[in-house]
C-alpha atoms as a PDB file:
ATOM      1  CA  PRO A   1     -26.739  66.447  -9.632  1.00  0.00           C
ATOM      2  CA  HIS A   2     -26.806  66.615 -13.235  1.00  0.00           C
ATOM      3  CA  ALA A   3     -27.361  63.052 -15.202  1.00  0.00           C
ATOM      4  CA  ILE A   4     -27.467  61.827 -18.607  1.00  0.00           C
ATOM      5  CA  ILE A   5     -30.956  60.518 -19.703  1.00  0.00           C
ATOM      6  CA  MET A   6     -30.980  57.421 -22.174  1.00  0.00           C
ATOM      7  CA  SER A   7     -33.828  56.022 -24.043  1.00  0.00           C
ATOM      8  CA  SER A   8     -32.486  52.513 -23.950  1.00  0.00           C
ATOM      9  CA  PRO A   9     -29.973  50.883 -21.661  1.00  0.00           C
ATOM     10  CA  GLN A  10     -27.977  49.116 -24.468  1.00  0.00           C
ATOM     11  CA  THR A  11     -26.972  52.598 -25.915  1.00  0.00           C
ATOM     12  CA  TRP A  12     -24.525  53.470 -22.895  1.00  0.00           C
ATOM     13  CA  THR A  13     -22.601  50.082 -23.429  1.00  0.00           C
ATOM     14  CA  ASN A  14     -19.238  49.904 -21.449  1.00  0.00           C
ATOM     15  CA  SER A  15     -17.924  46.961 -23.492  1.00  0.00           C
ATOM     16  CA  ILE A  16     -16.993  49.374 -26.310  1.00  0.00           C
ATOM     17  CA  ASN A  17     -14.612  52.608 -26.333  1.00  0.00           C
ATOM     18  CA  GLN A  18     -14.662  52.525 -22.316  1.00  0.00           C
ATOM     19  CA  ALA A  19     -11.948  54.951 -21.764  1.00  0.00           C
ATOM     20  CA  ASN A  20     -13.220  57.586 -23.854  1.00  0.00           C
ATOM     21  CA  LYS A  21     -16.953  57.387 -22.106  1.00  0.00           C
ATOM     22  CA  MET A  22     -15.219  57.379 -18.789  1.00  0.00           C
ATOM     23  CA  ALA A  23     -13.438  60.501 -19.751  1.00  0.00           C
ATOM     24  CA  LEU A  24     -17.139  61.821 -21.013  1.00  0.00           C
ATOM     25  CA  ARG A  25     -18.540  60.888 -17.723  1.00  0.00           C
ATOM     26  CA  ALA A  26     -15.916  62.660 -15.745  1.00  0.00           C
ATOM     27  CA  TRP A  27     -16.350  65.941 -17.974  1.00  0.00           C
ATOM     28  CA  MET A  28     -20.144  65.877 -17.599  1.00  0.00           C
ATOM     29  CA  LYS A  29     -19.801  65.602 -13.661  1.00  0.00           C
ATOM     30  CA  GLU A  30     -17.132  68.324 -13.778  1.00  0.00           C
ATOM     31  CA  THR A  31     -18.941  70.797 -15.836  1.00  0.00           C
ATOM     32  CA  GLY A  32     -22.546  69.917 -15.005  1.00  0.00           C
ATOM     33  CA  VAL A  33     -23.418  69.438 -18.521  1.00  0.00           C
ATOM     34  CA  ASP A  34     -26.548  67.463 -19.187  1.00  0.00           C
ATOM     35  CA  LEU A  35     -26.777  65.148 -22.258  1.00  0.00           C
ATOM     36  CA  VAL A  36     -30.115  63.986 -23.432  1.00  0.00           C
ATOM     37  CA  GLN A  37     -30.384  60.797 -25.932  1.00  0.00           C
ATOM     38  CA  VAL A  38     -33.639  60.156 -27.874  1.00  0.00           C
ATOM     39  CA  ASN A  39     -34.172  58.090 -30.989  1.00  0.00           C
ATOM     40  CA  GLY A  40     -30.461  57.805 -31.765  1.00  0.00           C
ATOM     41  CA  GLN A  41     -29.121  61.357 -31.364  1.00  0.00           C
ATOM     42  CA  ARG A  42     -27.774  62.743 -27.973  1.00  0.00           C
ATOM     43  CA  ARG A  43     -28.399  66.556 -27.434  1.00  0.00           C
ATOM     44  CA  TYR A  44     -26.825  69.245 -25.416  1.00  0.00           C
ATOM     45  CA  GLY A  45     -28.765  72.556 -24.838  1.00  0.00           C
ATOM     46  CA  GLY A  46     -31.702  73.654 -27.261  1.00  0.00           C
ATOM     47  CA  PRO A  47     -31.800  76.103 -25.112  1.00  0.00           C
ATOM     48  CA  PRO A  48     -28.707  75.892 -23.077  1.00  0.00           C
ATOM     49  CA  PRO A  49     -28.847  76.860 -19.498  1.00  0.00           C
ATOM     50  CA  GLY A  50     -29.102  80.568 -19.074  1.00  0.00           C
ATOM     51  CA  TRP A  51     -30.363  81.219 -22.611  1.00  0.00           C
ATOM     52  CA  GLY A  52     -33.057  83.931 -22.522  1.00  0.00           C
ATOM     53  CA  GLY A  53     -35.111  85.047 -25.599  1.00  0.00           C
ATOM     54  CA  LYS A  54     -36.241  83.118 -28.768  1.00  0.00           C
ATOM     55  CA  PRO A  55     -34.521  80.407 -30.330  1.00  0.00           C
ATOM     56  CA  PRO A  56     -31.981  81.560 -33.391  1.00  0.00           C
ATOM     57  CA  PRO A  57     -33.043  81.895 -36.750  1.00  0.00           C
ATOM     58  CA  ALA A  58     -32.428  79.679 -39.658  1.00  0.00           C
ATOM     59  CA  GLY A  59     -29.099  79.659 -41.068  1.00  0.00           C
ATOM     60  CA  THR A  60     -27.289  79.319 -37.754  1.00  0.00           C
ATOM     61  CA  GLU A  61     -26.534  75.571 -37.790  1.00  0.00           C
ATOM     62  CA  VAL A  62     -23.499  73.827 -39.050  1.00  0.00           C
ATOM     63  CA  PHE A  63     -22.945  70.284 -40.211  1.00  0.00           C
ATOM     64  CA  ILE A  64     -19.860  68.481 -38.718  1.00  0.00           C
ATOM     65  CA  GLY A  65     -18.800  65.243 -40.401  1.00  0.00           C
ATOM     66  CA  LYS A  66     -15.889  62.700 -40.690  1.00  0.00           C
ATOM     67  CA  LEU A  67     -16.030  62.563 -37.010  1.00  0.00           C
ATOM     68  CA  PRO A  68     -13.884  59.692 -35.626  1.00  0.00           C
ATOM     69  CA  GLN A  69     -16.637  57.448 -34.153  1.00  0.00           C
ATOM     70  CA  ASP A  70     -15.096  57.207 -30.638  1.00  0.00           C
ATOM     71  CA  ILE A  71     -14.795  60.897 -30.082  1.00  0.00           C
ATOM     72  CA  TYR A  72     -17.676  62.275 -27.883  1.00  0.00           C
ATOM     73  CA  GLU A  73     -18.772  65.758 -26.574  1.00  0.00           C
ATOM     74  CA  ASN A  74     -16.305  66.399 -24.213  1.00  0.00           C
ATOM     75  CA  VAL A  75     -14.027  67.053 -27.121  1.00  0.00           C
ATOM     76  CA  LEU A  76     -16.305  68.260 -29.590  1.00  0.00           C
ATOM     77  CA  ILE A  77     -18.612  70.896 -27.312  1.00  0.00           C
ATOM     78  CA  PRO A  78     -15.619  73.070 -25.937  1.00  0.00           C
ATOM     79  CA  LEU A  79     -13.899  72.660 -29.774  1.00  0.00           C
ATOM     80  CA  PHE A  80     -17.337  74.233 -31.157  1.00  0.00           C
ATOM     81  CA  GLN A  81     -17.801  76.608 -28.312  1.00  0.00           C
ATOM     82  CA  SER A  82     -14.493  78.266 -28.762  1.00  0.00           C
ATOM     83  CA  VAL A  83     -15.763  80.364 -31.955  1.00  0.00           C
ATOM     84  CA  GLY A  84     -19.189  81.310 -30.780  1.00  0.00           C
ATOM     85  CA  GLN A  85     -21.991  80.678 -28.204  1.00  0.00           C
ATOM     86  CA  LEU A  86     -23.547  77.198 -28.780  1.00  0.00           C
ATOM     87  CA  TYR A  87     -27.199  76.953 -28.758  1.00  0.00           C
ATOM     88  CA  GLU A  88     -27.460  73.284 -29.110  1.00  0.00           C
ATOM     89  CA  PHE A  89     -25.244  70.579 -30.081  1.00  0.00           C
ATOM     90  CA  ARG A  90     -26.571  67.254 -31.614  1.00  0.00           C
ATOM     91  CA  LEU A  91     -24.375  63.876 -31.925  1.00  0.00           C
ATOM     92  CA  MET A  92     -25.770  61.135 -33.785  1.00  0.00           C
ATOM     93  CA  MET A  93     -25.463  57.848 -31.979  1.00  0.00           C
ATOM     94  CA  THR A  94     -25.274  54.068 -32.748  1.00  0.00           C
ATOM     95  CA  PHE A  95     -26.597  51.485 -30.478  1.00  0.00           C
ATOM     96  CA  SER A  96     -22.928  50.524 -29.299  1.00  0.00           C
ATOM     97  CA  GLY A  97     -22.533  53.980 -27.887  1.00  0.00           C
ATOM     98  CA  LEU A  98     -20.188  54.998 -30.797  1.00  0.00           C
ATOM     99  CA  ASN A  99     -21.165  58.049 -32.891  1.00  0.00           C
ATOM    100  CA  ARG A 100     -22.142  57.732 -36.207  1.00  0.00           C
ATOM    101  CA  GLY A 101     -19.506  60.024 -37.881  1.00  0.00           C
ATOM    102  CA  PHE A 102     -21.616  63.522 -37.675  1.00  0.00           C
ATOM    103  CA  ALA A 103     -22.895  65.798 -35.650  1.00  0.00           C
ATOM    104  CA  TYR A 104     -25.054  69.358 -35.711  1.00  0.00           C
ATOM    105  CA  ALA A 105     -24.117  72.458 -33.987  1.00  0.00           C
ATOM    106  CA  LYS A 106     -26.494  75.371 -33.633  1.00  0.00           C
ATOM    107  CA  TYR A 107     -25.179  78.919 -32.790  1.00  0.00           C
ATOM    108  CA  GLY A 108     -26.795  81.712 -31.147  1.00  0.00           C
ATOM    109  CA  ASN A 109     -26.417  84.080 -34.240  1.00  0.00           C
ATOM    110  CA  HIS A 110     -25.143  83.732 -37.827  1.00  0.00           C
ATOM    111  CA  ARG A 111     -21.911  85.183 -36.949  1.00  0.00           C
ATOM    112  CA  GLY A 112     -21.040  82.148 -34.726  1.00  0.00           C
ATOM    113  CA  ALA A 113     -21.776  79.621 -37.521  1.00  0.00           C
ATOM    114  CA  LYS A 114     -19.792  81.438 -40.047  1.00  0.00           C
ATOM    115  CA  GLU A 115     -16.656  81.408 -37.702  1.00  0.00           C
ATOM    116  CA  ALA A 116     -17.108  77.809 -37.043  1.00  0.00           C
ATOM    117  CA  ILE A 117     -16.789  76.979 -40.800  1.00  0.00           C
ATOM    118  CA  ALA A 118     -14.128  79.291 -41.151  1.00  0.00           C
ATOM    119  CA  ALA A 119     -12.009  78.182 -38.242  1.00  0.00           C
ATOM    120  CA  LEU A 120     -12.917  74.326 -38.087  1.00  0.00           C
ATOM    121  CA  HIS A 121     -13.493  73.158 -41.787  1.00  0.00           C
ATOM    122  CA  ASN A 122     -10.482  70.685 -42.189  1.00  0.00           C
ATOM    123  CA  PHE A 123      -9.624  71.046 -38.328  1.00  0.00           C
ATOM    124  CA  GLU A 124      -7.487  68.017 -37.271  1.00  0.00           C
ATOM    125  CA  VAL A 125      -9.143  66.585 -34.222  1.00  0.00           C
ATOM    126  CA  ARG A 126      -6.741  64.061 -34.137  1.00  0.00           C
ATOM    127  CA  PRO A 127      -3.375  63.611 -36.340  1.00  0.00           C
ATOM    128  CA  GLY A 128      -4.570  62.780 -39.707  1.00  0.00           C
ATOM    129  CA  CYS A 129      -8.340  63.226 -38.650  1.00  0.00           C
ATOM    130  CA  ALA A 130      -9.620  66.389 -40.508  1.00  0.00           C
ATOM    131  CA  ILE A 131     -13.414  66.934 -39.934  1.00  0.00           C
ATOM    132  CA  VAL A 132     -15.830  69.042 -42.391  1.00  0.00           C
ATOM    133  CA  VAL A 133     -17.692  71.585 -41.310  1.00  0.00           C
ATOM    134  CA  CYS A 134     -20.394  73.119 -43.446  1.00  0.00           C
ATOM    135  CA  LYS A 135     -23.575  74.952 -43.297  1.00  0.00           C
ATOM    136  CA  SER A 136     -26.425  72.925 -42.493  1.00  0.00           C
ATOM    137  CA  THR A 137     -29.370  72.720 -45.169  1.00  0.00           C
ATOM    138  CA  GLU A 138     -31.778  72.586 -42.356  1.00  0.00           C
ATOM    139  CA  LYS A 139     -34.321  70.734 -44.409  1.00  0.00           C
ATOM    140  CA  ARG A 140     -37.774  70.874 -43.154  1.00  0.00           C
ATOM    141  CA  GLU A 141     -40.002  69.318 -45.946  1.00  0.00           C
ATOM    142  CA  LEU A 142     -40.456  65.389 -46.286  1.00  0.00           C
ATOM    143  CA  SER A 143     -42.193  63.492 -49.059  1.00  0.00           C
ATOM    144  CA  MET A 144     -44.740  60.773 -48.415  1.00  0.00           C
ATOM    145  CA  ASP A 145     -45.212  58.651 -51.408  1.00  0.00           C
ATOM    146  CA  GLY A 146     -47.472  55.973 -52.285  1.00  0.00           C
ATOM    147  CA  LEU A 147     -50.447  57.113 -50.163  1.00  0.00           C
ATOM    148  CA  ALA A 148     -53.952  55.639 -51.064  1.00  0.00           C
ATOM    149  CA  THR A 149     -56.128  57.946 -52.902  1.00  0.00           C
ATOM    150  CA  SER A 150     -58.749  57.639 -50.295  1.00  0.00           C
ATOM    151  CA  VAL A 151     -56.477  59.314 -47.749  1.00  0.00           C
ATOM    152  CA  ASP A 152     -57.608  62.770 -47.002  1.00  0.00           C
ATOM    153  CA  GLN A 153     -55.841  65.721 -45.409  1.00  0.00           C
ATOM    154  CA  GLN A 154     -57.627  65.168 -41.874  1.00  0.00           C
ATOM    155  CA  GLU A 155     -56.780  61.340 -41.737  1.00  0.00           C
ATOM    156  CA  LEU A 156     -53.266  62.032 -42.642  1.00  0.00           C
ATOM    157  CA  GLU A 157     -53.119  65.056 -40.144  1.00  0.00           C
ATOM    158  CA  ALA A 158     -54.639  62.956 -37.487  1.00  0.00           C
ATOM    159  CA  VAL A 159     -51.887  60.171 -37.706  1.00  0.00           C
ATOM    160  CA  LEU A 160     -49.048  62.657 -38.339  1.00  0.00           C
ATOM    161  CA  ARG A 161     -49.866  64.492 -34.946  1.00  0.00           C
ATOM    162  CA  GLU A 162     -50.140  61.101 -33.230  1.00  0.00           C
ATOM    163  CA  VAL A 163     -46.738  60.065 -33.997  1.00  0.00           C
ATOM    164  CA  THR A 164     -44.549  63.025 -34.779  1.00  0.00           C
ATOM    165  CA  GLU A 165     -44.351  66.895 -33.367  1.00  0.00           C
ATOM    166  CA  GLY A 166     -44.290  69.999 -35.328  1.00  0.00           C
ATOM    167  CA  VAL A 167     -46.057  69.497 -38.611  1.00  0.00           C
ATOM    168  CA  LEU A 168     -47.135  72.720 -40.140  1.00  0.00           C
ATOM    169  CA  SER A 169     -48.647  71.940 -43.442  1.00  0.00           C
ATOM    170  CA  ILE A 170     -49.747  69.153 -45.688  1.00  0.00           C
ATOM    171  CA  THR A 171     -49.982  69.335 -49.709  1.00  0.00           C
ATOM    172  CA  PHE A 172     -51.530  66.568 -51.916  1.00  0.00           C
ATOM    173  CA  TYR A 173     -50.023  65.901 -55.203  1.00  0.00           C
ATOM    174  CA  ALA A 174     -50.599  62.813 -57.942  1.00  0.00           C
ATOM    175  CA  SER A 175     -47.804  60.525 -57.286  1.00  0.00           C
ATOM    176  CA  PRO A 176     -45.263  60.739 -60.104  1.00  0.00           C
ATOM    177  CA  CYS A 177     -43.950  57.196 -59.445  1.00  0.00           C
ATOM    178  CA  LYS A 178     -46.960  55.119 -58.586  1.00  0.00           C
ATOM    179  CA  LYS A 179     -50.443  55.018 -60.650  1.00  0.00           C
ATOM    180  CA  ARG A 180     -53.740  55.638 -58.314  1.00  0.00           C
ATOM    181  CA  ALA A 181     -51.523  56.701 -55.673  1.00  0.00           C
ATOM    182  CA  LYS A 182     -50.930  60.204 -53.637  1.00  0.00           C
ATOM    183  CA  LEU A 183     -47.800  62.148 -52.575  1.00  0.00           C
ATOM    184  CA  ALA A 184     -47.939  64.168 -49.789  1.00  0.00           C
ATOM    185  CA  VAL A 185     -45.366  66.950 -48.884  1.00  0.00           C
ATOM    186  CA  LEU A 186     -44.954  67.555 -45.198  1.00  0.00           C
ATOM    187  CA  LYS A 187     -43.825  70.861 -43.718  1.00  0.00           C
ATOM    188  CA  TYR A 188     -42.078  70.790 -40.153  1.00  0.00           C
ATOM    189  CA  SER A 189     -41.333  73.637 -37.610  1.00  0.00           C
ATOM    190  CA  SER A 190     -37.870  72.638 -37.711  1.00  0.00           C
ATOM    191  CA  HIS A 191     -35.304  70.575 -39.418  1.00  0.00           C
ATOM    192  CA  GLN A 192     -34.853  68.560 -36.106  1.00  0.00           C
ATOM    193  CA  ALA A 193     -38.684  67.931 -36.024  1.00  0.00           C
ATOM    194  CA  ALA A 194     -38.561  66.735 -39.601  1.00  0.00           C
ATOM    195  CA  ALA A 195     -35.529  64.449 -39.084  1.00  0.00           C
ATOM    196  CA  MET A 196     -37.429  63.015 -35.983  1.00  0.00           C
ATOM    197  CA  ALA A 197     -40.560  62.493 -38.041  1.00  0.00           C
ATOM    198  CA  LYS A 198     -38.684  60.970 -40.955  1.00  0.00           C
ATOM    199  CA  LYS A 199     -36.745  58.525 -38.590  1.00  0.00           C
ATOM    200  CA  THR A 200     -40.356  57.523 -36.838  1.00  0.00           C
ATOM    201  CA  LEU A 201     -42.095  57.028 -40.226  1.00  0.00           C
ATOM    202  CA  MET A 202     -39.407  55.263 -41.641  1.00  0.00           C
ATOM    203  CA  GLU A 203     -38.959  52.700 -38.521  1.00  0.00           C
ATOM    204  CA  GLY A 204     -42.834  52.615 -38.220  1.00  0.00           C
ATOM    205  CA  ASN A 205     -43.316  50.849 -41.657  1.00  0.00           C
ATOM    206  CA  THR A 206     -46.095  53.105 -42.078  1.00  0.00           C
ATOM    207  CA  LYS A 207     -49.071  51.960 -44.093  1.00  0.00           C
ATOM    208  CA  LEU A 208     -52.122  54.245 -44.967  1.00  0.00           C
ATOM    209  CA  GLY A 209     -55.135  53.040 -46.975  1.00  0.00           C
ATOM    210  CA  GLY A 210     -53.552  49.568 -47.246  1.00  0.00           C
ATOM    211  CA  LEU A 211     -50.414  50.805 -49.141  1.00  0.00           C
ATOM    212  CA  GLU A 212     -47.002  50.882 -48.133  1.00  0.00           C
ATOM    213  CA  VAL A 213     -45.636  54.232 -47.923  1.00  0.00           C
ATOM    214  CA  ARG A 214     -42.162  55.686 -48.497  1.00  0.00           C
ATOM    215  CA  VAL A 215     -41.013  58.597 -46.575  1.00  0.00           C
ATOM    216  CA  ASN A 216     -37.909  60.679 -47.548  1.00  0.00           C
ATOM    217  CA  TRP A 217     -36.399  64.064 -47.452  1.00  0.00           C
ATOM    218  CA  LEU A 218     -37.929  66.361 -50.302  1.00  0.00           C
ATOM    219  CA  ASN A 219     -35.065  66.437 -52.851  1.00  0.00           C
ATOM    220  CA  PRO A 220     -34.582  69.472 -55.261  1.00  0.00           C
ATOM    221  CA  ASP A 221     -35.284  67.486 -58.233  1.00  0.00           C
ATOM    222  CA  LEU A 222     -38.961  66.580 -56.761  1.00  0.00           C
ATOM    223  CA  LYS A 223     -39.604  70.107 -55.422  1.00  0.00           C
ATOM    224  CA  GLN A 224     -38.706  71.630 -58.783  1.00  0.00           C
ATOM    225  CA  LYS A 225     -41.375  69.257 -60.631  1.00  0.00           C
ATOM    226  CA  LEU A 226     -43.936  69.957 -57.979  1.00  0.00           C
ATOM    227  CA  ARG A 227     -43.240  73.907 -58.386  1.00  0.00           C
ATOM    228  CA  LEU A 228     -44.806  73.352 -62.015  1.00  0.00           C
ATOM    229  CA  ILE A 229     -47.920  72.137 -60.538  1.00  0.00           C
ATOM    230  CA  GLU A 230     -51.402  73.560 -59.935  1.00  0.00           C
ATOM    231  CA  GLU A 231     -54.592  72.232 -58.106  1.00  0.00           C
ATOM    232  CA  LYS A 232     -57.352  71.072 -60.598  1.00  0.00           C
ATOM    233  CA  PRO A 233     -60.562  69.117 -59.920  1.00  0.00           C
ATOM    234  CA  SER A 234     -59.708  65.566 -59.343  1.00  0.00           C
ATOM    235  CA  SER A 235     -62.193  62.505 -59.446  1.00  0.00           C
ATOM    236  CA  SER A 236     -60.065  61.461 -56.147  1.00  0.00           C
ATOM    237  CA  ARG A 237     -61.296  63.838 -53.664  1.00  0.00           C
ATOM    238  CA  GLY A 238     -60.670  63.602 -49.736  1.00  0.00           C
ATOM    239  CA  GLN A 239     -63.466  64.201 -47.056  1.00  0.00           C
ATOM    240  CA  GLY A 240     -61.849  67.589 -46.403  1.00  0.00           C
ATOM    241  CA  GLY A 241     -62.265  68.415 -50.107  1.00  0.00           C
ATOM    242  CA  ASN A 242     -58.606  68.569 -50.830  1.00  0.00           C
ATOM    243  CA  SER A 243     -58.113  67.607 -54.639  1.00  0.00           C
ATOM    244  CA  LEU A 244     -55.006  65.967 -56.137  1.00  0.00           C
ATOM    245  CA  ARG A 245     -52.801  68.106 -57.818  1.00  0.00           C
ATOM    246  CA  VAL A 246     -51.416  67.180 -61.362  1.00  0.00           C
ATOM    247  CA  PRO A 247     -48.646  68.513 -63.366  1.00  0.00           C
ATOM    248  CA  LYS A 248     -48.864  71.632 -65.021  1.00  0.00           C
ATOM    249  CA  PRO A 249     -47.400  71.692 -68.617  1.00  0.00           C
ATOM    250  CA  ALA A 250     -44.519  73.921 -68.926  1.00  0.00           C
ATOM    251  CA  SER A 251     -45.990  75.466 -72.096  1.00  0.00           C
ATOM    252  CA  SER A 252     -48.940  76.883 -70.211  1.00  0.00           C
ATOM    253  CA  SER A 253     -46.943  79.925 -68.801  1.00  0.00           C
ATOM    254  CA  PRO A 254     -45.895  82.493 -71.590  1.00  0.00           C
ATOM    255  CA  VAL A 255     -42.836  83.471 -69.233  1.00  0.00           C
ATOM    256  CA  LEU A 256     -41.348  80.183 -69.877  1.00  0.00           C
ATOM    257  CA  HIS A 257     -40.974  80.425 -73.452  1.00  0.00           C
ATOM    258  CA  ASP A 258     -38.426  83.214 -72.726  1.00  0.00           C
ATOM    259  CA  ALA A 259     -36.093  80.837 -70.649  1.00  0.00           C
ATOM    260  CA  LEU A 260     -34.227  79.470 -73.656  1.00  0.00           C
ATOM    261  CA  ASP A 261     -33.373  82.925 -74.864  1.00  0.00           C
ATOM    262  CA  TRP A 262     -32.973  84.390 -71.233  1.00  0.00           C
ATOM    263  CA  LEU A 263     -30.316  81.411 -70.671  1.00  0.00           C
ATOM    264  CA  ASN A 264     -28.512  82.233 -73.926  1.00  0.00           C
ATOM    265  CA  ALA A 265     -28.440  85.601 -72.938  1.00  0.00           C
ATOM    266  CA  LEU A 266     -27.109  85.144 -69.576  1.00  0.00           C
ATOM    267  CA  CYS A 267     -24.298  82.966 -70.881  1.00  0.00           C
ATOM    268  CA  LYS A 268     -23.273  85.356 -73.464  1.00  0.00           C
ATOM    269  CA  ARG A 269     -23.295  88.298 -71.008  1.00  0.00           C
ATOM    270  CA  GLN A 270     -21.124  86.167 -68.859  1.00  0.00           C
ATOM    271  CA  HIS A 271     -18.735  85.134 -71.598  1.00  0.00           C
ATOM    272  CA  LEU A 272     -19.775  81.372 -70.584  1.00  0.00           C
ATOM    273  CA  GLY A 273     -20.179  80.434 -74.238  1.00  0.00           C
ATOM    274  CA  THR A 274     -23.633  78.861 -75.876  1.00  0.00           C
ATOM    275  CA  PRO A 275     -25.284  76.535 -73.665  1.00  0.00           C
ATOM    276  CA  LEU A 276     -25.677  72.743 -75.217  1.00  0.00           C
ATOM    277  CA  ILE A 277     -29.187  71.040 -73.879  1.00  0.00           C
ATOM    278  CA  LEU A 278     -29.387  67.366 -74.558  1.00  0.00           C
ATOM    279  CA  THR A 279     -32.640  65.642 -73.769  1.00  0.00           C
ATOM    280  CA  LYS A 280     -33.849  62.127 -73.607  1.00  0.00           C
ATOM    281  CA  CYS A 281     -37.360  60.901 -73.148  1.00  0.00           C
ATOM    282  CA  VAL A 282     -37.279  58.069 -70.402  1.00  0.00           C
ATOM    283  CA  GLN A 283     -40.726  57.307 -69.546  1.00  0.00           C
ATOM    284  CA  ALA A 284     -44.299  58.012 -70.842  1.00  0.00           C
ATOM    285  CA  ASN A 285     -47.480  57.824 -68.941  1.00  0.00           C
ATOM    286  CA  PRO A 286     -51.196  57.215 -70.276  1.00  0.00           C
ATOM    287  CA  SER A 287     -52.464  60.705 -69.710  1.00  0.00           C
ATOM    288  CA  GLY A 288     -49.773  61.977 -72.184  1.00  0.00           C
ATOM    289  CA  TRP A 289     -46.929  63.144 -69.879  1.00  0.00           C
ATOM    290  CA  LEU A 290     -43.503  62.564 -70.788  1.00  0.00           C
ATOM    291  CA  ARG A 291     -40.479  62.131 -68.268  1.00  0.00           C
ATOM    292  CA  PHE A 292     -37.188  63.640 -69.744  1.00  0.00           C
ATOM    293  CA  TRP A 293     -33.623  63.088 -68.659  1.00  0.00           C
ATOM    294  CA  CYS A 294     -32.092  66.594 -69.563  1.00  0.00           C
ATOM    295  CA  ARG A 295     -28.107  67.802 -69.432  1.00  0.00           C
ATOM    296  CA  VAL A 296     -27.253  71.576 -70.155  1.00  0.00           C
ATOM    297  CA  VAL A 297     -23.394  71.908 -70.806  1.00  0.00           C
ATOM    298  CA  ILE A 298     -22.265  75.320 -70.751  1.00  0.00           C
ATOM    299  CA  PRO A 299     -18.581  75.693 -71.974  1.00  0.00           C
ATOM    300  CA  GLY A 300     -17.679  78.104 -69.142  1.00  0.00           C
ATOM    301  CA  CYS A 301     -19.160  75.887 -66.416  1.00  0.00           C
ATOM    302  CA  PRO A 302     -16.865  73.078 -65.402  1.00  0.00           C
ATOM    303  CA  VAL A 303     -19.605  70.916 -64.423  1.00  0.00           C
ATOM    304  CA  PRO A 304     -22.912  70.138 -66.723  1.00  0.00           C
ATOM    305  CA  PHE A 305     -26.286  70.371 -64.929  1.00  0.00           C
ATOM    306  CA  SER A 306     -28.509  67.268 -65.052  1.00  0.00           C
ATOM    307  CA  ALA A 307     -32.108  66.978 -64.172  1.00  0.00           C
ATOM    308  CA  PHE A 308     -35.440  64.924 -64.858  1.00  0.00           C
ATOM    309  CA  THR A 309     -38.518  66.949 -65.896  1.00  0.00           C
ATOM    310  CA  TRP A 310     -42.169  65.892 -67.061  1.00  0.00           C
ATOM    311  CA  VAL A 311     -43.873  67.796 -69.668  1.00  0.00           C
ATOM    312  CA  ARG A 312     -46.806  67.360 -72.026  1.00  0.00           C
ATOM    313  CA  PRO A 313     -46.054  68.174 -75.531  1.00  0.00           C
ATOM    314  CA  ALA A 314     -47.794  71.217 -76.759  1.00  0.00           C
ATOM    315  CA  GLY A 315     -49.820  69.773 -79.773  1.00  0.00           C
ATOM    316  CA  PRO A 316     -50.388  66.595 -81.845  1.00  0.00           C
ATOM    317  CA  GLY A 317     -47.255  65.138 -83.508  1.00  0.00           C
ATOM    318  CA  ARG A 318     -44.739  67.127 -81.141  1.00  0.00           C
ATOM    319  CA  SER A 319     -42.090  64.943 -79.617  1.00  0.00           C
ATOM    320  CA  GLY A 320     -41.854  67.121 -76.198  1.00  0.00           C
ATOM    321  CA  HIS A 321     -38.329  67.628 -76.762  1.00  0.00           C
ATOM    322  CA  GLU A 322     -38.571  71.449 -77.285  1.00  0.00           C
ATOM    323  CA  GLU A 323     -40.999  71.641 -73.998  1.00  0.00           C
ATOM    324  CA  ALA A 324     -38.134  69.808 -71.996  1.00  0.00           C
ATOM    325  CA  LYS A 325     -35.373  72.163 -73.118  1.00  0.00           C
ATOM    326  CA  VAL A 326     -37.714  74.977 -72.067  1.00  0.00           C
ATOM    327  CA  ALA A 327     -38.294  73.125 -68.814  1.00  0.00           C
ATOM    328  CA  VAL A 328     -34.786  72.518 -67.879  1.00  0.00           C
ATOM    329  CA  ALA A 329     -33.565  75.933 -69.030  1.00  0.00           C
ATOM    330  CA  LEU A 330     -36.051  77.608 -66.321  1.00  0.00           C
ATOM    331  CA  GLN A 331     -34.340  74.980 -63.753  1.00  0.00           C
ATOM    332  CA  VAL A 332     -30.957  75.987 -64.743  1.00  0.00           C
ATOM    333  CA  LEU A 333     -31.724  79.787 -64.441  1.00  0.00           C
ATOM    334  CA  ARG A 334     -33.195  79.250 -61.022  1.00  0.00           C
ATOM    335  CA  VAL A 335     -30.121  77.301 -59.835  1.00  0.00           C
ATOM    336  CA  LEU A 336     -27.910  80.360 -61.168  1.00  0.00           C
ATOM    337  CA  GLY A 337     -30.380  82.613 -59.148  1.00  0.00           C
ATOM    338  CA  GLU A 338     -32.023  84.375 -61.998  1.00  0.00           C
ATOM    339  CA  SER A 339     -35.767  85.462 -61.793  1.00  0.00           C
ATOM    340  CA  LEU A 340     -38.103  85.527 -64.662  1.00  0.00           C
END
């Protein structure tokens, strides 16, 4: 007989939402579906019964939001199976046995995911309860900030392999927020592996080298900042010989000088008007780096582009504003899909 496997008994309490839980149990018994709950999410499939071959590629998962908290897989799985073959379905759960209002459905191919978005976005699972269905970002990278400079790659990798699964690479940088600290970018084999690692590391109050470490998804602004980074010799080298990475001046690449002209030409070509770039210096560090808040207003675009960027003035007496404009113009071009 099939059974549901729980990580803790309090997760499946009978005192809350009893009728719907009984309906779920009855559906599981009737269909033979197995649901496995681990660390706050309940999973079907991955792979499902009868699946042959490799897991589906990236881009086949959809995010499902605005779910009523008392709805379960006996309603959701048949609904999302109606548009394509499900490889996996994950419902996020609370300790009370209610769902957390969102889930993920992974399909066997890209077509299934597209059909789910087309057919089920804004679908009313109950009168007045329209759900959100959109492409999952399937993020796989975490940032771990606040590491002691004495922590090397070998030590961090040993810790991560002990408490998480699926880590593919670790890249060190100088922390942009904390003095005398490192930031590590952790890349995992899948979104699920990264999400489980994030939960484990955050709940574990992780400390390495005596410092408290903050773990978050690697956000686009930070990722963009790290793209302008190159590896240079550092006095804080780990035993494995991995040097800290420090920011790379935007002005060091001749290509970047063309960013403003390129952005102006693009806006002119698309009849969007001349872009207006606003810059404000919000932070300076002792090594000469300046942090700017930037906003780009393009008349033909309804929403302005805002971002933070670090720059180092190209010479004595320079304010850094021109370098910031170049850096943010490059970010806008990348967002617009333009390649320099």
